[in-house]
C-alpha atoms as a PDB file:
ATOM      1  CA  UNK A   1     208.618-134.683 113.858  1.00  0.00           C
ATOM      2  CA  UNK A   2     207.713-131.039 114.701  1.00  0.00           C
ATOM      3  CA  UNK A   3     209.189-127.919 113.084  1.00  0.00           C
ATOM      4  CA  UNK A   4     211.601-127.148 115.915  1.00  0.00           C
ATOM      5  CA  UNK A   5     213.102-130.705 115.725  1.00  0.00           C
ATOM      6  CA  UNK A   6     213.537-130.348 111.956  1.00  0.00           C
ATOM      7  CA  UNK A   7     215.335-127.040 112.412  1.00  0.00           C
ATOM      8  CA  UNK A   8     217.622-128.374 115.103  1.00  0.00           C
ATOM      9  CA  UNK A   9     218.419-131.439 112.959  1.00  0.00           C
ATOM     10  CA  UNK A  10     219.050-129.308 109.938  1.00  0.00           C
ATOM     11  CA  UNK A  11     221.381-126.990 111.902  1.00  0.00           C
ATOM     12  CA  UNK A  12     223.344-130.032 113.205  1.00  0.00           C
ATOM     13  CA  UNK A  13     223.832-131.443 109.645  1.00  0.00           C
ATOM     14  CA  UNK A  14     225.052-128.000 108.449  1.00  0.00           C
ATOM     15  CA  UNK A  15     227.519-127.621 111.399  1.00  0.00           C
ATOM     16  CA  UNK A  16     228.867-131.161 110.832  1.00  0.00           C
ATOM     17  CA  UNK A  17     229.218-130.426 107.088  1.00  0.00           C
ATOM     18  CA  UNK A  18     231.113-127.222 107.750  1.00  0.00           C
ATOM     19  CA  UNK A  19     233.431-128.988 110.211  1.00  0.00           C
ATOM     20  CA  UNK A  20     234.278-131.665 107.646  1.00  0.00           C
ATOM     21  CA  UNK A  21     234.920-129.014 104.919  1.00  0.00           C
ATOM     22  CA  UNK A  22     237.196-126.956 107.230  1.00  0.00           C
ATOM     23  CA  UNK A  23     239.030-130.008 108.540  1.00  0.00           C
ATOM     24  CA  UNK A  24     239.496-131.379 105.026  1.00  0.00           C
ATOM     25  CA  UNK A  25     240.871-128.103 103.779  1.00  0.00           C
ATOM     26  CA  UNK A  26     243.280-127.801 106.676  1.00  0.00           C
ATOM     27  CA  UNK A  27     244.490-131.365 106.195  1.00  0.00           C
ATOM     28  CA  UNK A  28     245.100-130.830 102.501  1.00  0.00           C
ATOM     29  CA  UNK A  29     247.212-127.791 103.303  1.00  0.00           C
ATOM     30  CA  UNK A  30     249.448-129.538 105.872  1.00  0.00           C
ATOM     31  CA  UNK A  31     249.645-133.181 104.941  1.00  0.00           C
ATOM     32  CA  UNK A  32     252.026-132.699 101.958  1.00  0.00           C
ATOM     33  CA  UNK A  33     254.575-130.408 103.622  1.00  0.00           C
ATOM     34  CA  UNK A  34     258.252-131.438 103.435  1.00  0.00           C
ATOM     35  CA  UNK A  35     260.512-131.313 106.470  1.00  0.00           C
ATOM     36  CA  UNK A  36     262.297-128.246 105.126  1.00  0.00           C
ATOM     37  CA  UNK A  37     259.075-126.385 104.685  1.00  0.00           C
ATOM     38  CA  UNK A  38     257.825-127.262 108.150  1.00  0.00           C
ATOM     39  CA  UNK A  39     261.117-126.106 109.666  1.00  0.00           C
ATOM     40  CA  UNK A  40     261.018-122.831 107.784  1.00  0.00           C
ATOM     41  CA  UNK A  41     257.465-122.209 108.795  1.00  0.00           C
ATOM     42  CA  UNK A  42     258.417-122.924 112.405  1.00  0.00           C
ATOM     43  CA  UNK A  43     261.389-120.598 112.232  1.00  0.00           C
ATOM     44  CA  UNK A  44     259.146-117.731 110.953  1.00  0.00           C
ATOM     45  CA  UNK A  45     256.477-118.411 113.635  1.00  0.00           C
ATOM     46  CA  UNK A  46     259.063-118.535 116.375  1.00  0.00           C
ATOM     47  CA  UNK A  47     261.300-115.559 115.584  1.00  0.00           C
ATOM     48  CA  UNK A  48     259.787-113.395 112.788  1.00  0.00           C
ATOM     49  CA  UNK A  49     256.263-112.510 113.949  1.00  0.00           C
ATOM     50  CA  UNK A  50     255.479-108.980 112.737  1.00  0.00           C
ATOM     51  CA  UNK A  51     258.122-106.525 111.407  1.00  0.00           C
ATOM     52  CA  UNK A  52     259.493-106.008 114.945  1.00  0.00           C
ATOM     53  CA  UNK A  53     258.674-106.762 118.584  1.00  0.00           C
ATOM     54  CA  UNK A  54     259.186-105.887 122.186  1.00  0.00           C
ATOM     55  CA  UNK A  55     258.639-107.951 125.384  1.00  0.00           C
ATOM     56  CA  UNK A  56     259.516-108.044 129.067  1.00  0.00           C
ATOM     57  CA  UNK A  57     261.018-111.312 130.201  1.00  0.00           C
ATOM     58  CA  UNK A  58     261.900-112.982 133.482  1.00  0.00           C
ATOM     59  CA  UNK A  59     264.090-116.020 134.043  1.00  0.00           C
ATOM     60  CA  UNK A  60     264.063-118.230 137.084  1.00  0.00           C
ATOM     61  CA  UNK A  61     267.215-120.293 137.162  1.00  0.00           C
ATOM     62  CA  UNK A  62     267.316-123.395 139.449  1.00  0.00           C
ATOM     63  CA  UNK A  63     270.479-125.403 139.895  1.00  0.00           C
ATOM     64  CA  UNK A  64     271.026-128.982 140.972  1.00  0.00           C
ATOM     65  CA  UNK A  65     270.846-127.896 144.700  1.00  0.00           C
ATOM     66  CA  UNK A  66     267.589-126.072 144.155  1.00  0.00           C
ATOM     67  CA  UNK A  67     269.296-122.715 144.575  1.00  0.00           C
ATOM     68  CA  UNK A  68     267.426-120.029 142.650  1.00  0.00           C
ATOM     69  CA  UNK A  69     268.537-116.996 140.753  1.00  0.00           C
ATOM     70  CA  UNK A  70     266.462-114.536 138.734  1.00  0.00           C
ATOM     71  CA  UNK A  71     267.096-112.445 135.647  1.00  0.00           C
ATOM     72  CA  UNK A  72     264.825-109.724 134.298  1.00  0.00           C
ATOM     73  CA  UNK A  73     265.210-107.970 130.985  1.00  0.00           C
ATOM     74  CA  UNK A  74     263.512-106.400 128.012  1.00  0.00           C
ATOM     75  CA  UNK A  75     264.059-107.777 124.498  1.00  0.00           C
ATOM     76  CA  UNK A  76     263.714-105.719 121.323  1.00  0.00           C
ATOM     77  CA  UNK A  77     263.751-107.282 117.840  1.00  0.00           C
ATOM     78  CA  UNK A  78     263.609-105.963 114.340  1.00  0.00           C
ATOM     79  CA  UNK A  79     263.429-107.811 111.040  1.00  0.00           C
ATOM     80  CA  UNK A  80     265.416-106.788 107.988  1.00  0.00           C
ATOM     81  CA  UNK A  81     264.253-107.189 104.445  1.00  0.00           C
ATOM     82  CA  UNK A  82     267.363-108.937 103.177  1.00  0.00           C
ATOM     83  CA  UNK A  83     267.980-112.696 103.555  1.00  0.00           C
ATOM     84  CA  UNK A  84     265.977-113.127 106.820  1.00  0.00           C
ATOM     85  CA  UNK A  85     268.410-110.886 108.726  1.00  0.00           C
ATOM     86  CA  UNK A  86     267.412-109.533 112.139  1.00  0.00           C
ATOM     87  CA  UNK A  87     268.561-107.416 115.042  1.00  0.00           C
ATOM     88  CA  UNK A  88     268.080-108.264 118.739  1.00  0.00           C
ATOM     89  CA  UNK A  89     268.766-106.069 121.784  1.00  0.00           C
ATOM     90  CA  UNK A  90     268.399-107.403 125.312  1.00  0.00           C
ATOM     91  CA  UNK A  91     268.740-105.035 128.202  1.00  0.00           C
ATOM     92  CA  UNK A  92     268.903-106.453 131.850  1.00  0.00           C
ATOM     93  CA  UNK A  93     267.277-104.608 134.756  1.00  0.00           C
ATOM     94  CA  UNK A  94     267.494-107.110 137.637  1.00  0.00           C
ATOM     95  CA  UNK A  95     269.184-108.312 139.823  1.00  0.00           C
ATOM     96  CA  UNK A  96     271.752-105.664 140.655  1.00  0.00           C
ATOM     97  CA  UNK A  97     274.733-107.764 139.607  1.00  0.00           C
ATOM     98  CA  UNK A  98     273.511-107.874 136.014  1.00  0.00           C
ATOM     99  CA  UNK A  99     271.652-104.582 135.854  1.00  0.00           C
ATOM    100  CA  UNK A 100     272.487-102.587 132.676  1.00  0.00           C
ATOM    101  CA  UNK A 101     274.133-105.584 131.019  1.00  0.00           C
ATOM    102  CA  UNK A 102     273.255-105.462 127.353  1.00  0.00           C
ATOM    103  CA  UNK A 103     273.251-108.108 124.694  1.00  0.00           C
ATOM    104  CA  UNK A 104     273.218-107.198 120.956  1.00  0.00           C
ATOM    105  CA  UNK A 105     272.802-109.622 118.028  1.00  0.00           C
ATOM    106  CA  UNK A 106     273.064-108.996 114.255  1.00  0.00           C
ATOM    107  CA  UNK A 107     271.488-112.231 113.027  1.00  0.00           C
ATOM    108  CA  UNK A 108     272.691-113.400 109.624  1.00  0.00           C
ATOM    109  CA  UNK A 109     271.193-116.865 108.718  1.00  0.00           C
ATOM    110  CA  UNK A 110     273.549-117.184 105.714  1.00  0.00           C
ATOM    111  CA  UNK A 111     276.705-116.850 107.897  1.00  0.00           C
ATOM    112  CA  UNK A 112     277.827-116.483 111.513  1.00  0.00           C
ATOM    113  CA  UNK A 113     275.904-113.989 113.636  1.00  0.00           C
ATOM    114  CA  UNK A 114     277.559-111.026 115.236  1.00  0.00           C
ATOM    115  CA  UNK A 115     277.077-110.895 118.957  1.00  0.00           C
ATOM    116  CA  UNK A 116     278.236-108.408 121.620  1.00  0.00           C
ATOM    117  CA  UNK A 117     277.853-108.259 125.348  1.00  0.00           C
ATOM    118  CA  UNK A 118     278.301-105.127 127.368  1.00  0.00           C
ATOM    119  CA  UNK A 119     279.455-105.632 130.972  1.00  0.00           C
ATOM    120  CA  UNK A 120     278.807-102.388 132.905  1.00  0.00           C
ATOM    121  CA  UNK A 121     280.914-103.355 135.924  1.00  0.00           C
ATOM    122  CA  UNK A 122     284.013-103.415 133.677  1.00  0.00           C
ATOM    123  CA  UNK A 123     282.641-100.886 131.176  1.00  0.00           C
ATOM    124  CA  UNK A 124     283.616-103.515 128.595  1.00  0.00           C
ATOM    125  CA  UNK A 125     282.094-104.531 125.279  1.00  0.00           C
ATOM    126  CA  UNK A 126     282.824-108.164 124.656  1.00  0.00           C
ATOM    127  CA  UNK A 127     282.549-109.773 121.226  1.00  0.00           C
ATOM    128  CA  UNK A 128     281.036-113.252 121.498  1.00  0.00           C
ATOM    129  CA  UNK A 129     282.790-115.533 119.072  1.00  0.00           C
ATOM    130  CA  UNK A 130     280.892-118.106 117.018  1.00  0.00           C
ATOM    131  CA  UNK A 131     282.488-120.855 119.166  1.00  0.00           C
ATOM    132  CA  UNK A 132     280.873-119.478 122.305  1.00  0.00           C
ATOM    133  CA  UNK A 133     277.371-119.236 120.904  1.00  0.00           C
ATOM    134  CA  UNK A 134     276.374-122.470 122.569  1.00  0.00           C
ATOM    135  CA  UNK A 135     277.520-121.471 126.055  1.00  0.00           C
ATOM    136  CA  UNK A 136     275.406-120.278 128.988  1.00  0.00           C
ATOM    137  CA  UNK A 137     273.465-117.027 128.417  1.00  0.00           C
ATOM    138  CA  UNK A 138     274.085-114.912 131.615  1.00  0.00           C
ATOM    139  CA  UNK A 139     274.227-117.982 133.844  1.00  0.00           C
ATOM    140  CA  UNK A 140     271.057-119.600 132.687  1.00  0.00           C
ATOM    141  CA  UNK A 141     270.411-122.910 131.000  1.00  0.00           C
ATOM    142  CA  UNK A 142     269.652-121.157 127.757  1.00  0.00           C
ATOM    143  CA  UNK A 143     272.534-120.585 125.271  1.00  0.00           C
ATOM    144  CA  UNK A 144     273.381-117.403 123.412  1.00  0.00           C
ATOM    145  CA  UNK A 145     272.150-119.122 120.214  1.00  0.00           C
ATOM    146  CA  UNK A 146     268.790-119.924 121.827  1.00  0.00           C
ATOM    147  CA  UNK A 147     267.998-116.171 122.223  1.00  0.00           C
ATOM    148  CA  UNK A 148     267.949-115.330 118.525  1.00  0.00           C
ATOM    149  CA  UNK A 149     267.413-118.812 117.209  1.00  0.00           C
ATOM    150  CA  UNK A 150     269.484-121.433 115.334  1.00  0.00           C
ATOM    151  CA  UNK A 151     269.536-121.044 111.591  1.00  0.00           C
ATOM    152  CA  UNK A 152     267.664-123.865 109.742  1.00  0.00           C
ATOM    153  CA  UNK A 153     270.497-123.922 107.230  1.00  0.00           C
ATOM    154  CA  UNK A 154     272.895-125.467 109.828  1.00  0.00           C
ATOM    155  CA  UNK A 155     271.004-128.794 110.060  1.00  0.00           C
ATOM    156  CA  UNK A 156     269.550-131.540 107.946  1.00  0.00           C
ATOM    157  CA  UNK A 157     265.855-132.057 108.718  1.00  0.00           C
ATOM    158  CA  UNK A 158     263.825-135.220 108.551  1.00  0.00           C
ATOM    159  CA  UNK A 159     260.048-135.659 109.105  1.00  0.00           C
ATOM    160  CA  UNK A 160     259.718-138.767 111.280  1.00  0.00           C
ATOM    161  CA  UNK A 161     255.993-138.880 111.915  1.00  0.00           C
ATOM    162  CA  UNK A 162     252.854-136.763 112.327  1.00  0.00           C
ATOM    163  CA  UNK A 163     249.481-136.957 113.864  1.00  0.00           C
ATOM    164  CA  UNK A 164     246.378-134.647 113.933  1.00  0.00           C
ATOM    165  CA  UNK A 165     248.118-132.072 116.211  1.00  0.00           C
ATOM    166  CA  UNK A 166     251.871-132.227 115.577  1.00  0.00           C
ATOM    167  CA  UNK A 167     254.794-132.878 113.261  1.00  0.00           C
ATOM    168  CA  UNK A 168     257.677-134.904 114.723  1.00  0.00           C
ATOM    169  CA  UNK A 169     261.091-134.182 113.223  1.00  0.00           C
ATOM    170  CA  UNK A 170     264.767-135.137 113.637  1.00  0.00           C
ATOM    171  CA  UNK A 171     267.464-132.640 112.992  1.00  0.00           C
ATOM    172  CA  UNK A 172     271.139-133.472 112.399  1.00  0.00           C
ATOM    173  CA  UNK A 173     273.895-130.860 112.349  1.00  0.00           C
ATOM    174  CA  UNK A 174     275.745-130.445 109.095  1.00  0.00           C
ATOM    175  CA  UNK A 175     278.962-129.614 111.014  1.00  0.00           C
ATOM    176  CA  UNK A 176     278.805-131.855 114.062  1.00  0.00           C
ATOM    177  CA  UNK A 177     282.208-130.726 115.291  1.00  0.00           C
ATOM    178  CA  UNK A 178     280.815-127.237 116.035  1.00  0.00           C
ATOM    179  CA  UNK A 179     278.045-128.309 118.461  1.00  0.00           C
ATOM    180  CA  UNK A 180     277.839-130.396 121.648  1.00  0.00           C
ATOM    181  CA  UNK A 181     274.856-132.540 120.409  1.00  0.00           C
ATOM    182  CA  UNK A 182     274.643-135.321 117.857  1.00  0.00           C
ATOM    183  CA  UNK A 183     271.074-134.489 116.822  1.00  0.00           C
ATOM    184  CA  UNK A 184     267.828-133.121 118.217  1.00  0.00           C
ATOM    185  CA  UNK A 185     264.135-133.928 117.874  1.00  0.00           C
ATOM    186  CA  UNK A 186     261.285-131.450 117.780  1.00  0.00           C
ATOM    187  CA  UNK A 187     257.517-131.513 118.094  1.00  0.00           C
ATOM    188  CA  UNK A 188     255.969-128.783 116.028  1.00  0.00           C
ATOM    189  CA  UNK A 189     252.297-127.856 116.438  1.00  0.00           C
ATOM    190  CA  UNK A 190     250.386-128.018 113.071  1.00  0.00           C
ATOM    191  CA  UNK A 191     248.174-124.978 113.700  1.00  0.00           C
ATOM    192  CA  UNK A 192     250.804-122.481 115.088  1.00  0.00           C
ATOM    193  CA  UNK A 193     253.968-124.072 113.741  1.00  0.00           C
ATOM    194  CA  UNK A 194     255.645-123.287 117.054  1.00  0.00           C
ATOM    195  CA  UNK A 195     258.055-125.965 118.350  1.00  0.00           C
ATOM    196  CA  UNK A 196     256.436-127.229 121.558  1.00  0.00           C
ATOM    197  CA  UNK A 197     259.062-129.686 122.597  1.00  0.00           C
ATOM    198  CA  UNK A 198     262.744-129.949 121.619  1.00  0.00           C
ATOM    199  CA  UNK A 199     265.295-132.517 122.931  1.00  0.00           C
ATOM    200  CA  UNK A 200     268.987-132.479 122.145  1.00  0.00           C
ATOM    201  CA  UNK A 201     270.814-135.857 122.259  1.00  0.00           C
ATOM    202  CA  UNK A 202     274.373-137.029 122.392  1.00  0.00           C
ATOM    203  CA  UNK A 203     275.819-139.830 120.198  1.00  0.00           C
ATOM    204  CA  UNK A 204     274.507-142.454 122.635  1.00  0.00           C
ATOM    205  CA  UNK A 205     270.940-141.141 122.336  1.00  0.00           C
ATOM    206  CA  UNK A 206     271.136-139.710 125.856  1.00  0.00           C
ATOM    207  CA  UNK A 207     269.213-136.478 126.267  1.00  0.00           C
ATOM    208  CA  UNK A 208     271.407-133.411 126.964  1.00  0.00           C
ATOM    209  CA  UNK A 209     268.915-130.515 127.032  1.00  0.00           C
ATOM    210  CA  UNK A 210     265.142-130.308 126.848  1.00  0.00           C
ATOM    211  CA  UNK A 211     263.060-127.257 125.850  1.00  0.00           C
ATOM    212  CA  UNK A 212     259.323-127.435 126.558  1.00  0.00           C
ATOM    213  CA  UNK A 213     256.737-124.697 125.915  1.00  0.00           C
ATOM    214  CA  UNK A 214     254.355-124.372 128.781  1.00  0.00           C
ATOM    215  CA  UNK A 215     252.032-121.695 127.519  1.00  0.00           C
ATOM    216  CA  UNK A 216     251.092-119.986 124.214  1.00  0.00           C
ATOM    217  CA  UNK A 217     248.771-116.979 123.763  1.00  0.00           C
ATOM    218  CA  UNK A 218     247.546-115.125 120.777  1.00  0.00           C
ATOM    219  CA  UNK A 219     249.026-111.630 120.886  1.00  0.00           C
ATOM    220  CA  UNK A 220     247.901-109.199 118.159  1.00  0.00           C
ATOM    221  CA  UNK A 221     246.949-112.225 116.001  1.00  0.00           C
ATOM    222  CA  UNK A 222     250.353-113.911 116.453  1.00  0.00           C
ATOM    223  CA  UNK A 223     250.672-117.169 118.372  1.00  0.00           C
ATOM    224  CA  UNK A 224     253.255-116.275 120.956  1.00  0.00           C
ATOM    225  CA  UNK A 225     255.174-118.361 123.503  1.00  0.00           C
ATOM    226  CA  UNK A 226     254.678-116.765 126.935  1.00  0.00           C
ATOM    227  CA  UNK A 227     256.328-119.437 129.072  1.00  0.00           C
ATOM    228  CA  UNK A 228     258.906-122.136 128.446  1.00  0.00           C
ATOM    229  CA  UNK A 229     261.339-124.313 130.392  1.00  0.00           C
ATOM    230  CA  UNK A 230     264.896-125.273 129.470  1.00  0.00           C
ATOM    231  CA  UNK A 231     266.284-128.295 131.334  1.00  0.00           C
ATOM    232  CA  UNK A 232     269.988-129.183 131.254  1.00  0.00           C
ATOM    233  CA  UNK A 233     270.181-132.934 132.025  1.00  0.00           C
ATOM    234  CA  UNK A 234     273.967-132.871 132.535  1.00  0.00           C
ATOM    235  CA  UNK A 235     273.834-130.143 135.171  1.00  0.00           C
ATOM    236  CA  UNK A 236     270.474-131.252 136.660  1.00  0.00           C
ATOM    237  CA  UNK A 237     269.301-127.683 136.476  1.00  0.00           C
ATOM    238  CA  UNK A 238     266.565-125.812 134.594  1.00  0.00           C
ATOM    239  CA  UNK A 239     265.491-122.327 133.660  1.00  0.00           C
ATOM    240  CA  UNK A 240     261.928-121.127 133.486  1.00  0.00           C
ATOM    241  CA  UNK A 241     261.422-118.121 131.168  1.00  0.00           C
ATOM    242  CA  UNK A 242     258.209-115.980 131.106  1.00  0.00           C
ATOM    243  CA  UNK A 243     257.340-113.267 128.624  1.00  0.00           C
ATOM    244  CA  UNK A 244     254.747-110.471 129.049  1.00  0.00           C
ATOM    245  CA  UNK A 245     253.808-107.036 127.722  1.00  0.00           C
ATOM    246  CA  UNK A 246     254.556-108.191 124.194  1.00  0.00           C
ATOM    247  CA  UNK A 247     253.973-105.845 121.301  1.00  0.00           C
ATOM    248  CA  UNK A 248     254.452-106.232 117.571  1.00  0.00           C
ATOM    249  CA  UNK A 249     254.881-103.814 114.667  1.00  0.00           C
ATOM    250  CA  UNK A 250     256.004-100.892 116.755  1.00  0.00           C
ATOM    251  CA  UNK A 251     258.188 -99.228 114.122  1.00  0.00           C
ATOM    252  CA  UNK A 252     261.426 -99.550 116.074  1.00  0.00           C
ATOM    253  CA  UNK A 253     264.206 -97.585 114.203  1.00  0.00           C
ATOM    254  CA  UNK A 254     267.216 -99.322 112.823  1.00  0.00           C
ATOM    255  CA  UNK A 255     269.638 -97.155 114.908  1.00  0.00           C
ATOM    256  CA  UNK A 256     268.304 -98.643 118.128  1.00  0.00           C
ATOM    257  CA  UNK A 257     270.292-101.751 117.287  1.00  0.00           C
ATOM    258  CA  UNK A 258     273.669-100.092 116.940  1.00  0.00           C
ATOM    259  CA  UNK A 259     276.782-100.626 119.108  1.00  0.00           C
ATOM    260  CA  UNK A 260     276.008 -97.229 120.758  1.00  0.00           C
ATOM    261  CA  UNK A 261     273.013 -98.850 122.446  1.00  0.00           C
ATOM    262  CA  UNK A 262     275.292-101.134 124.310  1.00  0.00           C
ATOM    263  CA  UNK A 263     276.401 -98.356 126.618  1.00  0.00           C
ATOM    264  CA  UNK A 264     273.345 -96.143 126.060  1.00  0.00           C
ATOM    265  CA  UNK A 265     270.187 -98.287 125.862  1.00  0.00           C
ATOM    266  CA  UNK A 266     267.152 -96.731 124.090  1.00  0.00           C
ATOM    267  CA  UNK A 267     264.954 -95.862 127.133  1.00  0.00           C
ATOM    268  CA  UNK A 268     262.036 -94.869 124.953  1.00  0.00           C
ATOM    269  CA  UNK A 269     261.722 -98.388 123.416  1.00  0.00           C
ATOM    270  CA  UNK A 270     262.397-100.161 126.654  1.00  0.00           C
ATOM    271  CA  UNK A 271     259.268 -98.847 128.281  1.00  0.00           C
ATOM    272  CA  UNK A 272     256.029-100.831 128.291  1.00  0.00           C
ATOM    273  CA  UNK A 273     253.434 -99.631 125.692  1.00  0.00           C
ATOM    274  CA  UNK A 274     250.439-101.071 127.504  1.00  0.00           C
END
């Protein structure tokens, strides 16, 4: 065997050895995780990337008769230091019938979130009650609660299975009388901890709603969902949502997320930064 063959063979052995070491280390980090830990990691990956964030978003809403509506908006988010609290501000720009509509959330995982909706046509600020959080968000198949996320504390979590790529979990509400579903299942990617597939079921195991992630990109080192579809099986409709121009760690001030911004949105922070 000549020298070049020996070098190639040695390089291959080293590469295989490194792969085994890295794979073994990753497996040892993930194989012993509890359901609660997986869900908490998934919640952080989905809603808490960076200290704050901004993104443009577009919704395509398709009903059972294939009629299409669009929604376009900018979403701002800021994490707080205390007890996983957050602020969300969503400002709509298109179409004209929802232009300047603003949605504000004070997310409090330990208790009910505070949510407000500003309706410019009526010049009215509407408080969204906790009982309405699982109703349609501006005519889409997403719910108000989907925008800022459901608190992991509201459900019991069970790890059903796992393979090399994903964890498979079942989640049962602690207060079933407050929601329309009996339980939901989730498929969570082991590398990103993003939920890639979520199905809500009724008490007869019939699917009610399905959320599927279509695309994930690495944005400023954070795995980020850039496209997802929410299907409502009862209404036979679905909503495609796409995100772009995402930025993290912008230093968005706390006062941006005040009730004043409902009628006077913060133009500076709504503009694209790239």
